[in-house]
Amino acid sequence: MCNDVFFSELDDLDLSILGKKGYTYDTYFPETADMAEFIYNAYNNGMDIICQCEYGQSRSAGTAAAIMEHFYKSGIWIFADYDRFPNQVVFHKVYDALENYKKNNS
């Protein structure tokens, strides 16, 4: 894997299922701080950011929506697209990590 790819193995889970799978909100998707740093590095270097999960609908859409919302305040359009099913937990985890990264590195 090259330096321009961030890989995370992540189950596509809803908030109501996390506990049944042994997760809490805090323990689910622990890589988000590292992902936020990766996203900021790509963004600051003028690189395109492509989000892709196995099916290209939920986790990737949630991640893309978080990135769009954080940088451009336009992530809602991904939730409004009926071809996508953004994972809301992924959205919040990535969005929160981006906000924290900005706050701690500005």
N, C-alpha and C. Protein backbone atom coordinates (compact mmCIF):
# COMPACT_ATOMS: atom_id res chain seq x y z
N MET A 1 0.84 -1.16 0.00
CA MET A 1 0.00 0.00 0.00
C MET A 1 0.90 1.24 0.00
N CYS A 2 0.49 2.25 -0.75
CA CYS A 2 1.30 3.47 -0.83
C CYS A 2 0.87 4.48 0.23
N ASN A 3 1.61 5.57 0.34
CA ASN A 3 1.33 6.59 1.35
C ASN A 3 0.08 7.41 1.04
N ASP A 4 -0.43 7.31 -0.18
CA ASP A 4 -1.59 8.10 -0.58
C ASP A 4 -2.90 7.36 -0.40
N VAL A 5 -2.88 6.25 0.33
CA VAL A 5 -4.09 5.47 0.59
C VAL A 5 -4.21 5.27 2.10
N PHE A 6 -5.40 5.57 2.60
CA PHE A 6 -5.69 5.28 4.00
C PHE A 6 -6.66 4.12 4.00
N PHE A 7 -6.26 3.02 4.60
CA PHE A 7 -7.09 1.82 4.64
C PHE A 7 -7.57 1.59 6.06
N SER A 8 -8.85 1.32 6.17
CA SER A 8 -9.43 1.00 7.48
C SER A 8 -10.46 -0.10 7.28
N GLU A 9 -10.30 -1.16 8.02
CA GLU A 9 -11.29 -2.25 7.97
C GLU A 9 -12.38 -1.91 8.98
N LEU A 10 -13.59 -1.75 8.48
CA LEU A 10 -14.66 -1.21 9.31
C LEU A 10 -15.99 -1.88 8.98
N ASP A 11 -16.63 -2.44 9.99
CA ASP A 11 -17.96 -3.01 9.81
C ASP A 11 -18.96 -1.88 9.60
N ASP A 12 -19.93 -2.10 8.73
CA ASP A 12 -20.98 -1.12 8.45
C ASP A 12 -22.09 -1.31 9.48
N LEU A 13 -21.97 -0.60 10.60
CA LEU A 13 -22.91 -0.79 11.70
C LEU A 13 -23.69 0.48 11.99
N ASP A 14 -24.91 0.29 12.38
CA ASP A 14 -25.79 1.36 12.84
C ASP A 14 -25.57 1.57 14.33
N LEU A 15 -25.88 2.75 14.82
CA LEU A 15 -25.70 3.06 16.24
C LEU A 15 -26.42 2.05 17.14
N SER A 16 -27.59 1.59 16.72
CA SER A 16 -28.35 0.66 17.55
C SER A 16 -27.73 -0.74 17.60
N ILE A 17 -26.82 -1.05 16.69
CA ILE A 17 -26.20 -2.37 16.61
C ILE A 17 -24.83 -2.41 17.29
N LEU A 18 -24.23 -1.26 17.51
CA LEU A 18 -22.86 -1.23 18.05
C LEU A 18 -22.70 -2.11 19.28
N GLY A 19 -23.57 -1.95 20.27
CA GLY A 19 -23.48 -2.73 21.51
C GLY A 19 -23.61 -4.22 21.29
N LYS A 20 -24.44 -4.61 20.35
CA LYS A 20 -24.63 -6.04 20.06
C LYS A 20 -23.38 -6.65 19.44
N LYS A 21 -22.54 -5.81 18.82
CA LYS A 21 -21.31 -6.28 18.19
C LYS A 21 -20.09 -6.05 19.08
N GLY A 22 -20.33 -5.59 20.32
CA GLY A 22 -19.24 -5.40 21.27
C GLY A 22 -18.56 -4.04 21.21
N TYR A 23 -19.17 -3.08 20.56
CA TYR A 23 -18.60 -1.74 20.45
C TYR A 23 -19.40 -0.74 21.27
N THR A 24 -18.74 0.36 21.58
CA THR A 24 -19.42 1.57 22.03
C THR A 24 -19.13 2.61 20.96
N TYR A 25 -19.76 3.76 21.07
CA TYR A 25 -19.46 4.83 20.11
C TYR A 25 -17.97 5.17 20.15
N ASP A 26 -17.38 5.17 21.33
CA ASP A 26 -15.97 5.53 21.47
C ASP A 26 -15.02 4.46 20.93
N THR A 27 -15.40 3.19 21.02
CA THR A 27 -14.49 2.13 20.56
C THR A 27 -14.67 1.78 19.09
N TYR A 28 -15.78 2.16 18.50
CA TYR A 28 -16.03 1.90 17.07
C TYR A 28 -15.22 2.88 16.23
N PHE A 29 -14.52 2.39 15.25
CA PHE A 29 -13.76 3.19 14.29
C PHE A 29 -12.69 4.04 14.99
N PRO A 30 -11.76 3.38 15.68
CA PRO A 30 -10.75 4.11 16.45
C PRO A 30 -9.70 4.82 15.59
N GLU A 31 -9.68 4.57 14.29
CA GLU A 31 -8.68 5.16 13.40
C GLU A 31 -9.03 6.58 12.95
N THR A 32 -10.12 7.13 13.43
CA THR A 32 -10.58 8.41 12.88
C THR A 32 -9.60 9.56 13.10
N ALA A 33 -8.88 9.58 14.20
CA ALA A 33 -7.88 10.64 14.41
C ALA A 33 -6.79 10.56 13.35
N ASP A 34 -6.32 9.35 13.07
CA ASP A 34 -5.31 9.15 12.02
C ASP A 34 -5.90 9.50 10.65
N MET A 35 -7.15 9.14 10.44
CA MET A 35 -7.80 9.45 9.17
C MET A 35 -7.92 10.96 8.99
N ALA A 36 -8.27 11.67 10.05
CA ALA A 36 -8.39 13.13 9.97
C ALA A 36 -7.06 13.76 9.57
N GLU A 37 -5.98 13.29 10.15
CA GLU A 37 -4.65 13.80 9.78
C GLU A 37 -4.36 13.51 8.31
N PHE A 38 -4.66 12.31 7.86
CA PHE A 38 -4.47 11.93 6.47
C PHE A 38 -5.29 12.84 5.55
N ILE A 39 -6.56 13.06 5.89
CA ILE A 39 -7.44 13.90 5.08
C ILE A 39 -6.90 15.33 5.02
N TYR A 40 -6.49 15.87 6.16
CA TYR A 40 -5.95 17.23 6.17
C TYR A 40 -4.68 17.33 5.34
N ASN A 41 -3.81 16.33 5.41
CA ASN A 41 -2.60 16.35 4.59
C ASN A 41 -2.95 16.33 3.11
N ALA A 42 -3.89 15.49 2.73
CA ALA A 42 -4.31 15.44 1.33
C ALA A 42 -4.95 16.76 0.91
N TYR A 43 -5.82 17.29 1.73
CA TYR A 43 -6.51 18.55 1.43
C TYR A 43 -5.50 19.70 1.30
N ASN A 44 -4.59 19.80 2.25
CA ASN A 44 -3.60 20.88 2.24
C ASN A 44 -2.62 20.77 1.08
N ASN A 45 -2.45 19.57 0.54
CA ASN A 45 -1.58 19.37 -0.62
C ASN A 45 -2.33 19.41 -1.94
N GLY A 46 -3.61 19.80 -1.88
CA GLY A 46 -4.40 19.95 -3.10
C GLY A 46 -4.75 18.65 -3.79
N MET A 47 -4.74 17.56 -3.04
CA MET A 47 -5.03 16.25 -3.63
C MET A 47 -6.53 15.98 -3.62
N ASP A 48 -6.98 15.20 -4.58
CA ASP A 48 -8.35 14.71 -4.57
C ASP A 48 -8.47 13.64 -3.50
N ILE A 49 -9.64 13.57 -2.87
CA ILE A 49 -9.89 12.56 -1.85
C ILE A 49 -11.03 11.68 -2.36
N ILE A 50 -10.74 10.42 -2.51
CA ILE A 50 -11.73 9.45 -2.98
C ILE A 50 -12.06 8.51 -1.82
N CYS A 51 -13.33 8.39 -1.53
CA CYS A 51 -13.79 7.50 -0.45
C CYS A 51 -14.45 6.28 -1.08
N GLN A 52 -14.01 5.11 -0.71
CA GLN A 52 -14.57 3.90 -1.31
C GLN A 52 -14.65 2.80 -0.27
N CYS A 53 -15.87 2.30 -0.06
CA CYS A 53 -16.05 1.12 0.78
C CYS A 53 -16.43 -0.04 -0.14
N GLU A 54 -16.69 -1.17 0.44
CA GLU A 54 -16.96 -2.38 -0.35
C GLU A 54 -18.10 -2.18 -1.35
N TYR A 55 -19.18 -1.54 -0.93
CA TYR A 55 -20.32 -1.35 -1.82
C TYR A 55 -20.44 0.07 -2.33
N GLY A 56 -19.65 0.99 -1.79
CA GLY A 56 -19.64 2.37 -2.26
C GLY A 56 -20.85 3.18 -1.88
N GLN A 57 -21.56 2.78 -0.83
CA GLN A 57 -22.77 3.51 -0.46
C GLN A 57 -22.74 4.05 0.96
N SER A 58 -22.49 3.24 1.94
CA SER A 58 -22.75 3.69 3.31
C SER A 58 -21.52 4.26 4.02
N ARG A 59 -20.49 3.46 4.19
CA ARG A 59 -19.30 3.96 4.89
C ARG A 59 -18.59 5.04 4.09
N SER A 60 -18.42 4.80 2.80
CA SER A 60 -17.77 5.80 1.97
C SER A 60 -18.61 7.06 1.86
N ALA A 61 -19.92 6.90 1.75
CA ALA A 61 -20.81 8.07 1.67
C ALA A 61 -20.79 8.85 2.98
N GLY A 62 -20.76 8.16 4.10
CA GLY A 62 -20.68 8.83 5.39
C GLY A 62 -19.37 9.59 5.54
N THR A 63 -18.28 8.99 5.09
CA THR A 63 -16.98 9.65 5.15
C THR A 63 -16.95 10.86 4.22
N ALA A 64 -17.43 10.69 3.00
CA ALA A 64 -17.45 11.80 2.04
C ALA A 64 -18.33 12.94 2.55
N ALA A 65 -19.46 12.62 3.14
CA ALA A 65 -20.36 13.65 3.68
C ALA A 65 -19.67 14.42 4.80
N ALA A 66 -18.93 13.72 5.66
CA ALA A 66 -18.22 14.38 6.75
C ALA A 66 -17.14 15.32 6.21
N ILE A 67 -16.42 14.88 5.21
CA ILE A 67 -15.38 15.72 4.59
C ILE A 67 -16.02 16.95 3.95
N MET A 68 -17.07 16.74 3.19
CA MET A 68 -17.76 17.85 2.52
C MET A 68 -18.34 18.83 3.55
N GLU A 69 -18.92 18.31 4.60
CA GLU A 69 -19.50 19.17 5.63
C GLU A 69 -18.42 19.96 6.37
N HIS A 70 -17.35 19.30 6.70
CA HIS A 70 -16.28 19.96 7.45
C HIS A 70 -15.63 21.09 6.65
N PHE A 71 -15.25 20.81 5.41
CA PHE A 71 -14.52 21.80 4.63
C PHE A 71 -15.42 22.79 3.89
N TYR A 72 -16.60 22.34 3.44
CA TYR A 72 -17.42 23.17 2.56
C TYR A 72 -18.84 23.42 3.06
N LYS A 73 -19.20 22.82 4.20
CA LYS A 73 -20.57 22.94 4.75
C LYS A 73 -21.63 22.51 3.74
N SER A 74 -21.32 21.46 2.97
CA SER A 74 -22.26 20.98 1.95
C SER A 74 -22.44 19.47 2.00
N GLY A 75 -22.18 18.84 3.13
CA GLY A 75 -22.30 17.39 3.23
C GLY A 75 -23.73 16.87 3.18
N ILE A 76 -24.70 17.75 3.44
CA ILE A 76 -26.09 17.31 3.48
C ILE A 76 -26.56 16.76 2.13
N TRP A 77 -26.00 17.23 1.04
CA TRP A 77 -26.47 16.76 -0.26
C TRP A 77 -26.21 15.27 -0.44
N ILE A 78 -25.20 14.72 0.23
CA ILE A 78 -24.95 13.28 0.14
C ILE A 78 -26.06 12.52 0.86
N PHE A 79 -26.57 13.07 1.97
CA PHE A 79 -27.69 12.45 2.66
C PHE A 79 -28.98 12.57 1.86
N ALA A 80 -29.08 13.58 1.02
CA ALA A 80 -30.29 13.80 0.23
C ALA A 80 -30.31 12.96 -1.05
N ASP A 81 -29.21 12.33 -1.40
CA ASP A 81 -29.10 11.52 -2.61
C ASP A 81 -29.62 10.11 -2.32
N TYR A 82 -30.73 9.74 -2.92
CA TYR A 82 -31.35 8.44 -2.64
C TYR A 82 -30.55 7.24 -3.15
N ASP A 83 -29.50 7.49 -3.92
CA ASP A 83 -28.63 6.40 -4.35
C ASP A 83 -27.58 6.05 -3.29
N ARG A 84 -27.48 6.87 -2.27
CA ARG A 84 -26.51 6.65 -1.21
C ARG A 84 -27.25 6.38 0.10
N PHE A 85 -26.59 5.69 0.99
CA PHE A 85 -27.14 5.42 2.31
C PHE A 85 -26.04 5.71 3.33
N PRO A 86 -25.69 6.99 3.54
CA PRO A 86 -24.55 7.31 4.41
C PRO A 86 -24.71 6.74 5.81
N ASN A 87 -23.67 6.11 6.26
CA ASN A 87 -23.65 5.60 7.62
C ASN A 87 -23.50 6.79 8.55
N GLN A 88 -24.50 7.02 9.39
CA GLN A 88 -24.50 8.20 10.26
C GLN A 88 -23.43 8.12 11.34
N VAL A 89 -23.14 6.93 11.81
CA VAL A 89 -22.09 6.79 12.84
C VAL A 89 -20.74 7.14 12.22
N VAL A 90 -20.48 6.63 11.03
CA VAL A 90 -19.23 6.95 10.34
C VAL A 90 -19.15 8.46 10.09
N PHE A 91 -20.25 9.05 9.63
CA PHE A 91 -20.28 10.50 9.40
C PHE A 91 -19.85 11.24 10.67
N HIS A 92 -20.49 10.95 11.78
CA HIS A 92 -20.20 11.67 13.02
C HIS A 92 -18.79 11.42 13.53
N LYS A 93 -18.32 10.19 13.42
CA LYS A 93 -16.97 9.88 13.89
C LYS A 93 -15.93 10.64 13.06
N VAL A 94 -16.07 10.64 11.74
CA VAL A 94 -15.11 11.34 10.87
C VAL A 94 -15.24 12.85 11.04
N TYR A 95 -16.46 13.34 11.06
CA TYR A 95 -16.67 14.79 11.23
C TYR A 95 -16.08 15.27 12.56
N ASP A 96 -16.35 14.57 13.63
CA ASP A 96 -15.80 14.94 14.94
C ASP A 96 -14.27 14.91 14.93
N ALA A 97 -13.70 13.91 14.28
CA ALA A 97 -12.24 13.80 14.21
C ALA A 97 -11.65 14.97 13.41
N LEU A 98 -12.31 15.35 12.33
CA LEU A 98 -11.84 16.49 11.55
C LEU A 98 -11.93 17.79 12.35
N GLU A 99 -13.02 17.97 13.06
CA GLU A 99 -13.18 19.16 13.89
C GLU A 99 -12.11 19.20 14.99
N ASN A 100 -11.85 18.07 15.62
CA ASN A 100 -10.82 18.00 16.66
C ASN A 100 -9.42 18.27 16.09
N TYR A 101 -9.17 17.72 14.90
CA TYR A 101 -7.87 17.95 14.27
C TYR A 101 -7.68 19.44 13.99
N LYS A 102 -8.70 20.07 13.45
CA LYS A 102 -8.63 21.50 13.15
C LYS A 102 -8.39 22.30 14.43
N LYS A 103 -9.12 21.99 15.48
CA LYS A 103 -9.00 22.71 16.74
C LYS A 103 -7.61 22.56 17.35
N ASN A 104 -7.04 21.36 17.26
CA ASN A 104 -5.76 21.08 17.89
C ASN A 104 -4.54 21.42 17.03
N ASN A 105 -4.78 21.73 15.76
CA ASN A 105 -3.64 21.98 14.85
C ASN A 105 -3.74 23.32 14.13
N SER A 106 -4.56 24.19 14.62
CA SER A 106 -4.70 25.51 13.98
C SER A 106 -3.77 26.52 14.57
